[in-house]
Amino acid sequence: MHDDEDRVLELENAEGPAEPISISLQGYGLTPEPGNVFIKDWSEHSGLTARLAQAGLVTPMHALTVGPYYSTAYEVQVTL
């Protein structure tokens, strides 16, 4: 499910509530463009952007380095 107004992408499943896939980077002064969201590429989301792109659900626009550990996040265009 994609909520463009709030820049949120969530995974819906039949077993329970939706799980957020996107993250907010407003704490770093970053807001994705309309139609886009940010997806982190660390911890449990490592490689998620590539898998979503292979499935045709998103198109990566560019990579960002954020946080004290210089972690990678991607701004992606949602193509659902």
C-alpha atoms as a PDB file:
ATOM      1  CA  MET A   1       0.000   0.000   0.000  1.00  0.00           C
ATOM      2  CA  HIS A   2       1.405   3.392  -0.980  1.00  0.00           C
ATOM      3  CA  ASP A   3       0.272   6.602   0.724  1.00  0.00           C
ATOM      4  CA  ASP A   4       1.787   9.360  -1.387  1.00  0.00           C
ATOM      5  CA  GLU A   5       0.503  12.151   0.838  1.00  0.00           C
ATOM      6  CA  ASP A   6       2.420  10.836   3.864  1.00  0.00           C
ATOM      7  CA  ARG A   7       5.236   9.299   1.738  1.00  0.00           C
ATOM      8  CA  VAL A   8       4.699   5.831   3.215  1.00  0.00           C
ATOM      9  CA  LEU A   9       4.999   2.381   1.638  1.00  0.00           C
ATOM     10  CA  GLU A  10       3.615  -0.544   3.653  1.00  0.00           C
ATOM     11  CA  LEU A  11       3.415  -4.271   3.104  1.00  0.00           C
ATOM     12  CA  GLU A  12      -0.115  -5.569   3.517  1.00  0.00           C
ATOM     13  CA  ASN A  13      -0.677  -9.163   4.566  1.00  0.00           C
ATOM     14  CA  ALA A  14      -3.705 -11.249   5.428  1.00  0.00           C
ATOM     15  CA  GLU A  15      -2.309 -12.272   8.810  1.00  0.00           C
ATOM     16  CA  GLY A  16      -2.182  -8.920  10.512  1.00  0.00           C
ATOM     17  CA  PRO A  17      -1.454  -5.212  10.292  1.00  0.00           C
ATOM     18  CA  ALA A  18       0.644  -3.696   7.563  1.00  0.00           C
ATOM     19  CA  GLU A  19       4.406  -3.586   8.062  1.00  0.00           C
ATOM     20  CA  PRO A  20       6.177  -0.344   7.105  1.00  0.00           C
ATOM     21  CA  ILE A  21       8.740  -0.702   4.356  1.00  0.00           C
ATOM     22  CA  SER A  22       9.642   2.964   3.988  1.00  0.00           C
ATOM     23  CA  ILE A  23      11.303   5.211   6.547  1.00  0.00           C
ATOM     24  CA  SER A  24      11.157   8.899   7.348  1.00  0.00           C
ATOM     25  CA  LEU A  25      14.356  10.877   7.043  1.00  0.00           C
ATOM     26  CA  GLN A  26      12.794  14.159   8.156  1.00  0.00           C
ATOM     27  CA  GLY A  27      15.175  14.158  11.138  1.00  0.00           C
ATOM     28  CA  TYR A  28      17.944  14.716   8.567  1.00  0.00           C
ATOM     29  CA  GLY A  29      15.964  17.408   6.755  1.00  0.00           C
ATOM     30  CA  LEU A  30      15.118  15.074   3.856  1.00  0.00           C
ATOM     31  CA  THR A  31      11.708  14.629   2.211  1.00  0.00           C
ATOM     32  CA  PRO A  32      11.186  12.381  -0.822  1.00  0.00           C
ATOM     33  CA  GLU A  33       9.752  13.798  -4.026  1.00  0.00           C
ATOM     34  CA  PRO A  34       6.033  13.220  -4.730  1.00  0.00           C
ATOM     35  CA  GLY A  35       5.484   9.579  -5.705  1.00  0.00           C
ATOM     36  CA  ASN A  36       8.684   8.559  -3.918  1.00  0.00           C
ATOM     37  CA  VAL A  37       9.635   7.104  -0.516  1.00  0.00           C
ATOM     38  CA  PHE A  38      12.868   6.355   1.316  1.00  0.00           C
ATOM     39  CA  ILE A  39      13.894   2.750   2.022  1.00  0.00           C
ATOM     40  CA  LYS A  40      16.763   1.929   4.368  1.00  0.00           C
ATOM     41  CA  ASP A  41      19.377  -0.596   3.268  1.00  0.00           C
ATOM     42  CA  TRP A  42      20.673  -1.780   6.636  1.00  0.00           C
ATOM     43  CA  SER A  43      19.685  -4.236   9.331  1.00  0.00           C
ATOM     44  CA  GLU A  44      16.582  -6.264   8.473  1.00  0.00           C
ATOM     45  CA  HIS A  45      16.056  -4.208   5.279  1.00  0.00           C
ATOM     46  CA  SER A  46      19.455  -4.965   3.762  1.00  0.00           C
ATOM     47  CA  GLY A  47      18.913  -5.656   0.051  1.00  0.00           C
ATOM     48  CA  LEU A  48      15.198  -4.797   0.201  1.00  0.00           C
ATOM     49  CA  THR A  49      15.381  -2.019  -2.381  1.00  0.00           C
ATOM     50  CA  ALA A  50      16.987  -4.349  -4.928  1.00  0.00           C
ATOM     51  CA  ARG A  51      14.345  -7.033  -4.328  1.00  0.00           C
ATOM     52  CA  LEU A  52      11.481  -4.535  -4.659  1.00  0.00           C
ATOM     53  CA  ALA A  53      13.032  -3.189  -7.881  1.00  0.00           C
ATOM     54  CA  GLN A  54      13.405  -6.721  -9.306  1.00  0.00           C
ATOM     55  CA  ALA A  55       9.706  -7.298  -8.561  1.00  0.00           C
ATOM     56  CA  GLY A  56       8.837  -4.106 -10.461  1.00  0.00           C
ATOM     57  CA  LEU A  57       7.376  -2.359  -7.405  1.00  0.00           C
ATOM     58  CA  VAL A  58       9.882   0.512  -7.187  1.00  0.00           C
ATOM     59  CA  THR A  59      12.490   2.271  -9.295  1.00  0.00           C
ATOM     60  CA  PRO A  60      15.572   3.446  -7.362  1.00  0.00           C
ATOM     61  CA  MET A  61      16.251   7.142  -7.983  1.00  0.00           C
ATOM     62  CA  HIS A  62      19.415   7.669  -5.913  1.00  0.00           C
ATOM     63  CA  ALA A  63      21.288   6.516  -2.836  1.00  0.00           C
ATOM     64  CA  LEU A  64      21.751   8.618   0.298  1.00  0.00           C
ATOM     65  CA  THR A  65      24.198   8.283   3.169  1.00  0.00           C
ATOM     66  CA  VAL A  66      22.572   9.032   6.526  1.00  0.00           C
ATOM     67  CA  GLY A  67      23.164   8.832  10.236  1.00  0.00           C
ATOM     68  CA  PRO A  68      26.181   8.505  12.463  1.00  0.00           C
ATOM     69  CA  TYR A  69      27.115   5.146  10.910  1.00  0.00           C
ATOM     70  CA  TYR A  70      26.947   6.475   7.330  1.00  0.00           C
ATOM     71  CA  SER A  71      24.203   4.020   6.436  1.00  0.00           C
ATOM     72  CA  THR A  72      22.700   3.795   2.958  1.00  0.00           C
ATOM     73  CA  ALA A  73      19.093   4.590   2.186  1.00  0.00           C
ATOM     74  CA  TYR A  74      17.480   4.876  -1.235  1.00  0.00           C
ATOM     75  CA  GLU A  75      14.924   7.279  -2.587  1.00  0.00           C
ATOM     76  CA  VAL A  76      12.691   5.180  -4.821  1.00  0.00           C
ATOM     77  CA  GLN A  77       9.796   5.940  -7.100  1.00  0.00           C
ATOM     78  CA  VAL A  78       6.852   3.704  -6.262  1.00  0.00           C
ATOM     79  CA  THR A  79       5.583   1.958  -9.403  1.00  0.00           C
ATOM     80  CA  LEU A  80       2.679  -0.033  -7.919  1.00  0.00           C
END
